[in-house]
């Protein structure tokens, strides 16, 4: 209940502040956000973070599945094995260049 009240209070605050700022300020903020998002340095940094996150997740998946793989029920271990085989044959489908 506490989280719901916090959410509603945040929603109300955002509405009031947004109504006071008006459409013009909204458009200024939107254009500024687009400029930041289209900046090549920001895009490359975001791409690097995403790639590092995927690599870390893959390593964690391998380590955890290797440790608990033999203790899992049959269908779960079959699914893990299937995911390992699928991961080994797939390349990075997200791509690494956006410039």
PDB file of N, CA and C in Angstrom:
ATOM      1  N   UNK A   1       0.820  -1.193   0.000  1.00  0.00           N
ATOM      2  CA  UNK A   1       0.000   0.000   0.000  1.00  0.00           C
ATOM      3  C   UNK A   1       0.865   1.257   0.000  1.00  0.00           C
ATOM      4  N   UNK A   2       1.978   1.177   0.730  1.00  0.00           N
ATOM      5  CA  UNK A   2       2.874   2.329   0.799  1.00  0.00           C
ATOM      6  C   UNK A   2       3.417   2.690  -0.586  1.00  0.00           C
ATOM      7  N   UNK A   3       3.756   1.672  -1.356  1.00  0.00           N
ATOM      8  CA  UNK A   3       4.312   1.920  -2.682  1.00  0.00           C
ATOM      9  C   UNK A   3       3.255   2.493  -3.613  1.00  0.00           C
ATOM     10  N   UNK A   4       2.042   2.055  -3.450  1.00  0.00           N
ATOM     11  CA  UNK A   4       0.958   2.567  -4.278  1.00  0.00           C
ATOM     12  C   UNK A   4       0.726   4.051  -3.989  1.00  0.00           C
ATOM     13  N   UNK A   5       0.744   4.402  -2.704  1.00  0.00           N
ATOM     14  CA  UNK A   5       0.575   5.810  -2.338  1.00  0.00           C
ATOM     15  C   UNK A   5       1.731   6.659  -2.850  1.00  0.00           C
ATOM     16  N   UNK A   6       2.947   6.123  -2.777  1.00  0.00           N
ATOM     17  CA  UNK A   6       4.111   6.840  -3.292  1.00  0.00           C
ATOM     18  C   UNK A   6       3.978   7.055  -4.793  1.00  0.00           C
ATOM     19  N   UNK A   7       3.533   6.040  -5.489  1.00  0.00           N
ATOM     20  CA  UNK A   7       3.355   6.145  -6.931  1.00  0.00           C
ATOM     21  C   UNK A   7       2.300   7.198  -7.273  1.00  0.00           C
ATOM     22  N   UNK A   8       1.187   7.164  -6.567  1.00  0.00           N
ATOM     23  CA  UNK A   8       0.113   8.124  -6.833  1.00  0.00           C
ATOM     24  C   UNK A   8       0.572   9.550  -6.524  1.00  0.00           C
ATOM     25  N   UNK A   9       1.326   9.713  -5.430  1.00  0.00           N
ATOM     26  CA  UNK A   9       1.844  11.043  -5.098  1.00  0.00           C
ATOM     27  C   UNK A   9       2.807  11.528  -6.179  1.00  0.00           C
ATOM     28  N   UNK A  10       3.663  10.655  -6.664  1.00  0.00           N
ATOM     29  CA  UNK A  10       4.587  11.022  -7.741  1.00  0.00           C
ATOM     30  C   UNK A  10       3.859  11.356  -9.029  1.00  0.00           C
ATOM     31  N   UNK A  11       2.827  10.602  -9.319  1.00  0.00           N
ATOM     32  CA  UNK A  11       2.028  10.857 -10.507  1.00  0.00           C
ATOM     33  C   UNK A  11       1.342  12.219 -10.407  1.00  0.00           C
ATOM     34  N   UNK A  12       0.774  12.512  -9.254  1.00  0.00           N
ATOM     35  CA  UNK A  12       0.096  13.805  -9.056  1.00  0.00           C
ATOM     36  C   UNK A  12       1.092  14.964  -9.140  1.00  0.00           C
ATOM     37  N   UNK A  13       2.261  14.786  -8.529  1.00  0.00           N
ATOM     38  CA  UNK A  13       3.286  15.830  -8.585  1.00  0.00           C
ATOM     39  C   UNK A  13       3.727  16.071 -10.024  1.00  0.00           C
ATOM     40  N   UNK A  14       3.958  15.014 -10.766  1.00  0.00           N
ATOM     41  CA  UNK A  14       4.348  15.144 -12.163  1.00  0.00           C
ATOM     42  C   UNK A  14       3.291  15.831 -13.000  1.00  0.00           C
ATOM     43  N   UNK A  15       2.041  15.505 -12.731  1.00  0.00           N
ATOM     44  CA  UNK A  15       0.944  16.146 -13.467  1.00  0.00           C
ATOM     45  C   UNK A  15       0.890  17.646 -13.186  1.00  0.00           C
ATOM     46  N   UNK A  16       0.993  18.003 -11.911  1.00  0.00           N
ATOM     47  CA  UNK A  16       0.927  19.421 -11.541  1.00  0.00           C
ATOM     48  C   UNK A  16       2.100  20.184 -12.140  1.00  0.00           C
ATOM     49  N   UNK A  17       3.293  19.642 -11.999  1.00  0.00           N
ATOM     50  CA  UNK A  17       4.466  20.330 -12.550  1.00  0.00           C
ATOM     51  C   UNK A  17       4.395  20.399 -14.069  1.00  0.00           C
ATOM     52  N   UNK A  18       3.917  19.350 -14.685  1.00  0.00           N
ATOM     53  CA  UNK A  18       3.783  19.350 -16.133  1.00  0.00           C
ATOM     54  C   UNK A  18       2.763  20.354 -16.608  1.00  0.00           C
ATOM     55  N   UNK A  19       1.675  20.473 -15.879  1.00  0.00           N
ATOM     56  CA  UNK A  19       0.636  21.431 -16.255  1.00  0.00           C
ATOM     57  C   UNK A  19       1.143  22.861 -16.107  1.00  0.00           C
ATOM     58  N   UNK A  20       1.959  23.105 -15.099  1.00  0.00           N
ATOM     59  CA  UNK A  20       2.497  24.447 -14.903  1.00  0.00           C
ATOM     60  C   UNK A  20       3.531  24.791 -15.971  1.00  0.00           C
ATOM     61  N   UNK A  21       4.330  23.810 -16.350  1.00  0.00           N
ATOM     62  CA  UNK A  21       5.383  24.075 -17.323  1.00  0.00           C
ATOM     63  C   UNK A  21       4.794  24.331 -18.707  1.00  0.00           C
ATOM     64  N   UNK A  22       3.765  23.622 -19.059  1.00  0.00           N
ATOM     65  CA  UNK A  22       3.104  23.825 -20.336  1.00  0.00           C
ATOM     66  C   UNK A  22       3.763  23.080 -21.478  1.00  0.00           C
ATOM     67  N   UNK A  23       3.141  23.204 -22.622  1.00  0.00           N
ATOM     68  CA  UNK A  23       3.578  22.481 -23.816  1.00  0.00           C
ATOM     69  C   UNK A  23       4.939  22.967 -24.314  1.00  0.00           C
ATOM     70  N   UNK A  24       5.192  24.242 -24.207  1.00  0.00           N
ATOM     71  CA  UNK A  24       6.443  24.802 -24.713  1.00  0.00           C
ATOM     72  C   UNK A  24       7.647  24.193 -23.982  1.00  0.00           C
ATOM     73  N   UNK A  25       7.563  24.134 -22.674  1.00  0.00           N
ATOM     74  CA  UNK A  25       8.660  23.567 -21.886  1.00  0.00           C
ATOM     75  C   UNK A  25       8.803  22.079 -22.184  1.00  0.00           C
ATOM     76  N   UNK A  26       7.673  21.395 -22.377  1.00  0.00           N
ATOM     77  CA  UNK A  26       7.721  19.979 -22.732  1.00  0.00           C
ATOM     78  C   UNK A  26       8.486  19.788 -24.043  1.00  0.00           C
ATOM     79  N   UNK A  27       8.202  20.607 -25.019  1.00  0.00           N
ATOM     80  CA  UNK A  27       8.886  20.503 -26.316  1.00  0.00           C
ATOM     81  C   UNK A  27      10.379  20.795 -26.167  1.00  0.00           C
ATOM     82  N   UNK A  28      10.741  21.751 -25.321  1.00  0.00           N
ATOM     83  CA  UNK A  28      12.160  22.039 -25.075  1.00  0.00           C
ATOM     84  C   UNK A  28      12.855  20.822 -24.471  1.00  0.00           C
ATOM     85  N   UNK A  29      12.224  20.219 -23.487  1.00  0.00           N
ATOM     86  CA  UNK A  29      12.811  19.037 -22.844  1.00  0.00           C
ATOM     87  C   UNK A  29      12.927  17.873 -23.820  1.00  0.00           C
ATOM     88  N   UNK A  30      11.917  17.690 -24.645  1.00  0.00           N
ATOM     89  CA  UNK A  30      11.929  16.596 -25.614  1.00  0.00           C
ATOM     90  C   UNK A  30      13.051  16.779 -26.634  1.00  0.00           C
ATOM     91  N   UNK A  31      13.223  18.004 -27.126  1.00  0.00           N
ATOM     92  CA  UNK A  31      14.290  18.272 -28.097  1.00  0.00           C
ATOM     93  C   UNK A  31      15.668  18.097 -27.467  1.00  0.00           C
ATOM     94  N   UNK A  32      15.812  18.513 -26.219  1.00  0.00           N
ATOM     95  CA  UNK A  32      17.091  18.338 -25.530  1.00  0.00           C
ATOM     96  C   UNK A  32      17.393  16.857 -25.342  1.00  0.00           C
ATOM     97  N   UNK A  33      16.389  16.074 -24.996  1.00  0.00           N
ATOM     98  CA  UNK A  33      16.586  14.631 -24.817  1.00  0.00           C
ATOM     99  C   UNK A  33      16.957  13.971 -26.142  1.00  0.00           C
ATOM    100  N   UNK A  34      16.352  14.410 -27.237  1.00  0.00           N
ATOM    101  CA  UNK A  34      16.693  13.865 -28.547  1.00  0.00           C
ATOM    102  C   UNK A  34      18.132  14.200 -28.933  1.00  0.00           C
ATOM    103  N   UNK A  35      18.566  15.436 -28.638  1.00  0.00           N
ATOM    104  CA  UNK A  35      19.950  15.817 -28.952  1.00  0.00           C
ATOM    105  C   UNK A  35      20.927  14.936 -28.178  1.00  0.00           C
ATOM    106  N   UNK A  36      20.635  14.698 -26.916  1.00  0.00           N
ATOM    107  CA  UNK A  36      21.514  13.853 -26.106  1.00  0.00           C
ATOM    108  C   UNK A  36      21.517  12.430 -26.658  1.00  0.00           C
ATOM    109  N   UNK A  37      20.348  11.911 -26.981  1.00  0.00           N
ATOM    110  CA  UNK A  37      20.251  10.536 -27.469  1.00  0.00           C
ATOM    111  C   UNK A  37      20.939  10.357 -28.819  1.00  0.00           C
ATOM    112  N   UNK A  38      20.989  11.387 -29.628  1.00  0.00           N
ATOM    113  CA  UNK A  38      21.605  11.288 -30.943  1.00  0.00           C
ATOM    114  C   UNK A  38      23.096  11.613 -30.936  1.00  0.00           C
ATOM    115  N   UNK A  39      23.616  12.008 -29.808  1.00  0.00           N
ATOM    116  CA  UNK A  39      25.034  12.312 -29.688  1.00  0.00           C
ATOM    117  C   UNK A  39      25.834  11.016 -29.867  1.00  0.00           C
ATOM    118  N   UNK A  40      26.815  10.984 -30.780  1.00  0.00           N
ATOM    119  CA  UNK A  40      27.570   9.755 -31.018  1.00  0.00           C
ATOM    120  C   UNK A  40      28.300   9.238 -29.772  1.00  0.00           C
ATOM    121  N   UNK A  41      28.796  10.114 -28.938  1.00  0.00           N
ATOM    122  CA  UNK A  41      29.488   9.665 -27.728  1.00  0.00           C
ATOM    123  C   UNK A  41      28.528   8.949 -26.787  1.00  0.00           C
ATOM    124  N   UNK A  42      27.336   9.481 -26.654  1.00  0.00           N
ATOM    125  CA  UNK A  42      26.335   8.856 -25.789  1.00  0.00           C
ATOM    126  C   UNK A  42      25.904   7.515 -26.374  1.00  0.00           C
ATOM    127  N   UNK A  43      25.698   7.470 -27.668  1.00  0.00           N
ATOM    128  CA  UNK A  43      25.280   6.217 -28.311  1.00  0.00           C
ATOM    129  C   UNK A  43      26.349   5.150 -28.175  1.00  0.00           C
ATOM    130  N   UNK A  44      27.617   5.528 -28.381  1.00  0.00           N
ATOM    131  CA  UNK A  44      28.697   4.550 -28.245  1.00  0.00           C
ATOM    132  C   UNK A  44      28.831   4.063 -26.810  1.00  0.00           C
ATOM    133  N   UNK A  45      28.668   4.969 -25.856  1.00  0.00           N
ATOM    134  CA  UNK A  45      28.740   4.569 -24.452  1.00  0.00           C
ATOM    135  C   UNK A  45      27.604   3.618 -24.107  1.00  0.00           C
ATOM    136  N   UNK A  46      26.404   3.916 -24.557  1.00  0.00           N
ATOM    137  CA  UNK A  46      25.259   3.045 -24.294  1.00  0.00           C
ATOM    138  C   UNK A  46      25.456   1.681 -24.940  1.00  0.00           C
ATOM    139  N   UNK A  47      26.017   1.682 -26.132  1.00  0.00           N
ATOM    140  CA  UNK A  47      26.285   0.425 -26.829  1.00  0.00           C
ATOM    141  C   UNK A  47      27.321  -0.411 -26.076  1.00  0.00           C
ATOM    142  N   UNK A  48      28.360   0.240 -25.581  1.00  0.00           N
ATOM    143  CA  UNK A  48      29.387  -0.454 -24.820  1.00  0.00           C
ATOM    144  C   UNK A  48      28.820  -1.044 -23.538  1.00  0.00           C
ATOM    145  N   UNK A  49      27.992  -0.274 -22.857  1.00  0.00           N
ATOM    146  CA  UNK A  49      27.373  -0.768 -21.625  1.00  0.00           C
ATOM    147  C   UNK A  49      26.466  -1.958 -21.923  1.00  0.00           C
ATOM    148  N   UNK A  50      25.690  -1.885 -22.986  1.00  0.00           N
ATOM    149  CA  UNK A  50      24.796  -2.988 -23.348  1.00  0.00           C
ATOM    150  C   UNK A  50      25.586  -4.243 -23.699  1.00  0.00           C
ATOM    151  N   UNK A  51      26.658  -4.087 -24.441  1.00  0.00           N
ATOM    152  CA  UNK A  51      27.475  -5.228 -24.823  1.00  0.00           C
ATOM    153  C   UNK A  51      28.135  -5.858 -23.599  1.00  0.00           C
ATOM    154  N   UNK A  52      28.657  -5.027 -22.714  1.00  0.00           N
ATOM    155  CA  UNK A  52      29.267  -5.528 -21.486  1.00  0.00           C
ATOM    156  C   UNK A  52      28.234  -6.248 -20.627  1.00  0.00           C
ATOM    157  N   UNK A  53      27.034  -5.703 -20.554  1.00  0.00           N
ATOM    158  CA  UNK A  53      25.965  -6.346 -19.789  1.00  0.00           C
ATOM    159  C   UNK A  53      25.599  -7.704 -20.348  1.00  0.00           C
ATOM    160  N   UNK A  54      25.513  -7.809 -21.675  1.00  0.00           N
ATOM    161  CA  UNK A  54      25.201  -9.105 -22.291  1.00  0.00           C
ATOM    162  C   UNK A  54      26.307 -10.109 -22.030  1.00  0.00           C
ATOM    163  N   UNK A  55      27.571  -9.678 -22.128  1.00  0.00           N
ATOM    164  CA  UNK A  55      28.691 -10.583 -21.870  1.00  0.00           C
ATOM    165  C   UNK A  55      28.689 -11.057 -20.422  1.00  0.00           C
ATOM    166  N   UNK A  56      28.436 -10.140 -19.499  1.00  0.00           N
ATOM    167  CA  UNK A  56      28.396 -10.494 -18.082  1.00  0.00           C
ATOM    168  C   UNK A  56      27.244 -11.450 -17.801  1.00  0.00           C
ATOM    169  N   UNK A  57      26.094 -11.207 -18.405  1.00  0.00           N
ATOM    170  CA  UNK A  57      24.947 -12.097 -18.212  1.00  0.00           C
ATOM    171  C   UNK A  57      25.244 -13.490 -18.769  1.00  0.00           C
ATOM    172  N   UNK A  58      25.923 -13.548 -19.902  1.00  0.00           N
ATOM    173  CA  UNK A  58      26.262 -14.853 -20.480  1.00  0.00           C
ATOM    174  C   UNK A  58      27.229 -15.611 -19.582  1.00  0.00           C
ATOM    175  N   UNK A  59      28.218 -14.907 -19.022  1.00  0.00           N
ATOM    176  CA  UNK A  59      29.157 -15.562 -18.103  1.00  0.00           C
ATOM    177  C   UNK A  59      28.441 -16.058 -16.854  1.00  0.00           C
ATOM    178  N   UNK A  60      27.552 -15.223 -16.310  1.00  0.00           N
ATOM    179  CA  UNK A  60      26.810 -15.613 -15.108  1.00  0.00           C
ATOM    180  C   UNK A  60      25.910 -16.804 -15.408  1.00  0.00           C
ATOM    181  N   UNK A  61      25.271 -16.801 -16.553  1.00  0.00           N
ATOM    182  CA  UNK A  61      24.425 -17.925 -16.942  1.00  0.00           C
ATOM    183  C   UNK A  61      25.237 -19.210 -17.015  1.00  0.00           C
ATOM    184  N   UNK A  62      26.413 -19.126 -17.626  1.00  0.00           N
ATOM    185  CA  UNK A  62      27.268 -20.312 -17.730  1.00  0.00           C
ATOM    186  C   UNK A  62      27.721 -20.815 -16.372  1.00  0.00           C
ATOM    187  N   UNK A  63      28.122 -19.898 -15.506  1.00  0.00           N
ATOM    188  CA  UNK A  63      28.606 -20.301 -14.183  1.00  0.00           C
ATOM    189  C   UNK A  63      27.495 -20.907 -13.339  1.00  0.00           C
ATOM    190  N   UNK A  64      26.339 -20.297 -13.335  1.00  0.00           N
ATOM    191  CA  UNK A  64      25.230 -20.800 -12.520  1.00  0.00           C
ATOM    192  C   UNK A  64      24.716 -22.121 -13.066  1.00  0.00           C
ATOM    193  N   UNK A  65      24.556 -22.211 -14.355  1.00  0.00           N
ATOM    194  CA  UNK A  65      24.032 -23.460 -14.920  1.00  0.00           C
ATOM    195  C   UNK A  65      25.018 -24.604 -14.751  1.00  0.00           C
ATOM    196  N   UNK A  66      26.325 -24.305 -14.749  1.00  0.00           N
ATOM    197  CA  UNK A  66      27.311 -25.361 -14.525  1.00  0.00           C
ATOM    198  C   UNK A  66      27.267 -25.873 -13.087  1.00  0.00           C
ATOM    199  N   UNK A  67      26.990 -24.978 -12.140  1.00  0.00           N
ATOM    200  CA  UNK A  67      26.967 -25.369 -10.732  1.00  0.00           C
ATOM    201  C   UNK A  67      25.681 -26.087 -10.337  1.00  0.00           C
ATOM    202  N   UNK A  68      24.556 -25.654 -10.859  1.00  0.00           N
ATOM    203  CA  UNK A  68      23.291 -26.237 -10.428  1.00  0.00           C
ATOM    204  C   UNK A  68      22.643 -27.114 -11.490  1.00  0.00           C
ATOM    205  N   UNK A  69      23.287 -27.267 -12.618  1.00  0.00           N
ATOM    206  CA  UNK A  69      22.704 -28.028 -13.724  1.00  0.00           C
ATOM    207  C   UNK A  69      22.390 -29.461 -13.377  1.00  0.00           C
ATOM    208  N   UNK A  70      23.238 -30.115 -12.592  1.00  0.00           N
ATOM    209  CA  UNK A  70      22.994 -31.521 -12.264  1.00  0.00           C
ATOM    210  C   UNK A  70      21.963 -31.690 -11.160  1.00  0.00           C
ATOM    211  N   UNK A  71      21.597 -30.635 -10.482  1.00  0.00           N
ATOM    212  CA  UNK A  71      20.613 -30.714  -9.395  1.00  0.00           C
ATOM    213  C   UNK A  71      19.214 -30.296  -9.829  1.00  0.00           C
ATOM    214  N   UNK A  72      19.058 -29.950 -11.078  1.00  0.00           N
ATOM    215  CA  UNK A  72      17.765 -29.494 -11.568  1.00  0.00           C
ATOM    216  C   UNK A  72      16.914 -30.673 -12.033  1.00  0.00           C
ATOM    217  N   UNK A  73      15.593 -30.512 -12.021  1.00  0.00           N
ATOM    218  CA  UNK A  73      14.724 -31.553 -12.573  1.00  0.00           C
ATOM    219  C   UNK A  73      14.982 -31.731 -14.067  1.00  0.00           C
ATOM    220  N   UNK A  74      14.608 -32.857 -14.583  1.00  0.00           N
ATOM    221  CA  UNK A  74      14.867 -33.210 -15.983  1.00  0.00           C
ATOM    222  C   UNK A  74      14.447 -32.177 -17.007  1.00  0.00           C
ATOM    223  N   UNK A  75      13.200 -31.731 -16.996  1.00  0.00           N
ATOM    224  CA  UNK A  75      12.776 -30.755 -18.011  1.00  0.00           C
ATOM    225  C   UNK A  75      13.545 -29.429 -17.931  1.00  0.00           C
ATOM    226  N   UNK A  76      13.882 -29.014 -16.728  1.00  0.00           N
ATOM    227  CA  UNK A  76      14.615 -27.767 -16.575  1.00  0.00           C
ATOM    228  C   UNK A  76      16.032 -27.922 -17.110  1.00  0.00           C
ATOM    229  N   UNK A  77      16.682 -29.030 -16.791  1.00  0.00           N
ATOM    230  CA  UNK A  77      18.041 -29.234 -17.288  1.00  0.00           C
ATOM    231  C   UNK A  77      18.053 -29.393 -18.804  1.00  0.00           C
ATOM    232  N   UNK A  78      16.999 -29.980 -19.368  1.00  0.00           N
ATOM    233  CA  UNK A  78      16.898 -30.057 -20.832  1.00  0.00           C
ATOM    234  C   UNK A  78      16.799 -28.668 -21.447  1.00  0.00           C
ATOM    235  N   UNK A  79      16.033 -27.809 -20.800  1.00  0.00           N
ATOM    236  CA  UNK A  79      15.882 -26.443 -21.310  1.00  0.00           C
ATOM    237  C   UNK A  79      17.202 -25.678 -21.210  1.00  0.00           C
ATOM    238  N   UNK A  80      17.923 -25.863 -20.107  1.00  0.00           N
ATOM    239  CA  UNK A  80      19.217 -25.206 -19.936  1.00  0.00           C
ATOM    240  C   UNK A  80      20.186 -25.693 -21.010  1.00  0.00           C
ATOM    241  N   UNK A  81      20.200 -26.976 -21.253  1.00  0.00           N
ATOM    242  CA  UNK A  81      21.076 -27.533 -22.287  1.00  0.00           C
ATOM    243  C   UNK A  81      20.716 -26.951 -23.653  1.00  0.00           C
ATOM    244  N   UNK A  82      19.420 -26.837 -23.918  1.00  0.00           N
ATOM    245  CA  UNK A  82      18.968 -26.267 -25.181  1.00  0.00           C
ATOM    246  C   UNK A  82      19.416 -24.817 -25.319  1.00  0.00           C
ATOM    247  N   UNK A  83      19.308 -24.066 -24.242  1.00  0.00           N
ATOM    248  CA  UNK A  83      19.746 -22.671 -24.279  1.00  0.00           C
ATOM    249  C   UNK A  83      21.252 -22.558 -24.486  1.00  0.00           C
ATOM    250  N   UNK A  84      22.021 -23.438 -23.854  1.00  0.00           N
ATOM    251  CA  UNK A  84      23.478 -23.436 -24.054  1.00  0.00           C
ATOM    252  C   UNK A  84      23.830 -23.691 -25.506  1.00  0.00           C
ATOM    253  N   UNK A  85      23.194 -24.694 -26.104  1.00  0.00           N
ATOM    254  CA  UNK A  85      23.478 -25.016 -27.505  1.00  0.00           C
ATOM    255  C   UNK A  85      23.070 -23.869 -28.412  1.00  0.00           C
ATOM    256  N   UNK A  86      21.937 -23.282 -28.122  1.00  0.00           N
ATOM    257  CA  UNK A  86      21.454 -22.160 -28.923  1.00  0.00           C
ATOM    258  C   UNK A  86      22.392 -20.966 -28.797  1.00  0.00           C
ATOM    259  N   UNK A  87      22.869 -20.709 -27.594  1.00  0.00           N
ATOM    260  CA  UNK A  87      23.766 -19.578 -27.341  1.00  0.00           C
ATOM    261  C   UNK A  87      25.110 -19.792 -28.034  1.00  0.00           C
ATOM    262  N   UNK A  88      25.575 -21.032 -28.086  1.00  0.00           N
ATOM    263  CA  UNK A  88      26.865 -21.316 -28.709  1.00  0.00           C
ATOM    264  C   UNK A  88      26.821 -21.074 -30.213  1.00  0.00           C
ATOM    265  N   UNK A  89      25.666 -21.322 -30.836  1.00  0.00           N
ATOM    266  CA  UNK A  89      25.584 -21.179 -32.283  1.00  0.00           C
ATOM    267  C   UNK A  89      25.198 -19.769 -32.720  1.00  0.00           C
ATOM    268  N   UNK A  90      24.626 -18.990 -31.822  1.00  0.00           N
ATOM    269  CA  UNK A  90      24.173 -17.636 -32.179  1.00  0.00           C
ATOM    270  C   UNK A  90      25.284 -16.623 -32.026  1.00  0.00           C
ATOM    271  N   UNK A  91      25.294 -15.683 -32.930  1.00  0.00           N
ATOM    272  CA  UNK A  91      26.148 -14.518 -32.783  1.00  0.00           C
ATOM    273  C   UNK A  91      25.316 -13.426 -32.145  1.00  0.00           C
ATOM    274  N   UNK A  92      25.914 -12.308 -31.904  1.00  0.00           N
ATOM    275  CA  UNK A  92      25.219 -11.180 -31.303  1.00  0.00           C
ATOM    276  C   UNK A  92      24.244 -10.596 -32.318  1.00  0.00           C
ATOM    277  N   UNK A  93      22.946 -10.855 -32.132  1.00  0.00           N
ATOM    278  CA  UNK A  93      21.977 -10.374 -33.097  1.00  0.00           C
ATOM    279  C   UNK A  93      21.631  -8.910 -32.937  1.00  0.00           C
ATOM    280  N   UNK A  94      22.145  -8.275 -31.907  1.00  0.00           N
ATOM    281  CA  UNK A  94      21.869  -6.857 -31.679  1.00  0.00           C
ATOM    282  C   UNK A  94      22.773  -5.971 -32.509  1.00  0.00           C
ATOM    283  N   UNK A  95      23.880  -6.476 -32.953  1.00  0.00           N
ATOM    284  CA  UNK A  95      24.819  -5.656 -33.691  1.00  0.00           C
ATOM    285  C   UNK A  95      25.693  -4.850 -32.735  1.00  0.00           C
ATOM    286  N   UNK A  96      26.791  -4.358 -33.250  1.00  0.00           N
ATOM    287  CA  UNK A  96      27.695  -3.610 -32.392  1.00  0.00           C
ATOM    288  C   UNK A  96      28.016  -2.234 -32.923  1.00  0.00           C
ATOM    289  N   UNK A  97      27.402  -1.846 -34.008  1.00  0.00           N
ATOM    290  CA  UNK A  97      27.692  -0.530 -34.542  1.00  0.00           C
ATOM    291  C   UNK A  97      26.410   0.209 -34.841  1.00  0.00           C
ATOM    292  N   UNK A  98      26.317   1.404 -34.354  1.00  0.00           N
ATOM    293  CA  UNK A  98      25.129   2.201 -34.631  1.00  0.00           C
ATOM    294  C   UNK A  98      25.501   3.580 -35.161  1.00  0.00           C
ATOM    295  N   UNK A  99      26.711   3.712 -35.628  1.00  0.00           N
ATOM    296  CA  UNK A  99      27.127   4.999 -36.173  1.00  0.00           C
ATOM    297  C   UNK A  99      27.376   4.892 -37.640  1.00  0.00           C
TER     298      UNK A  99
END
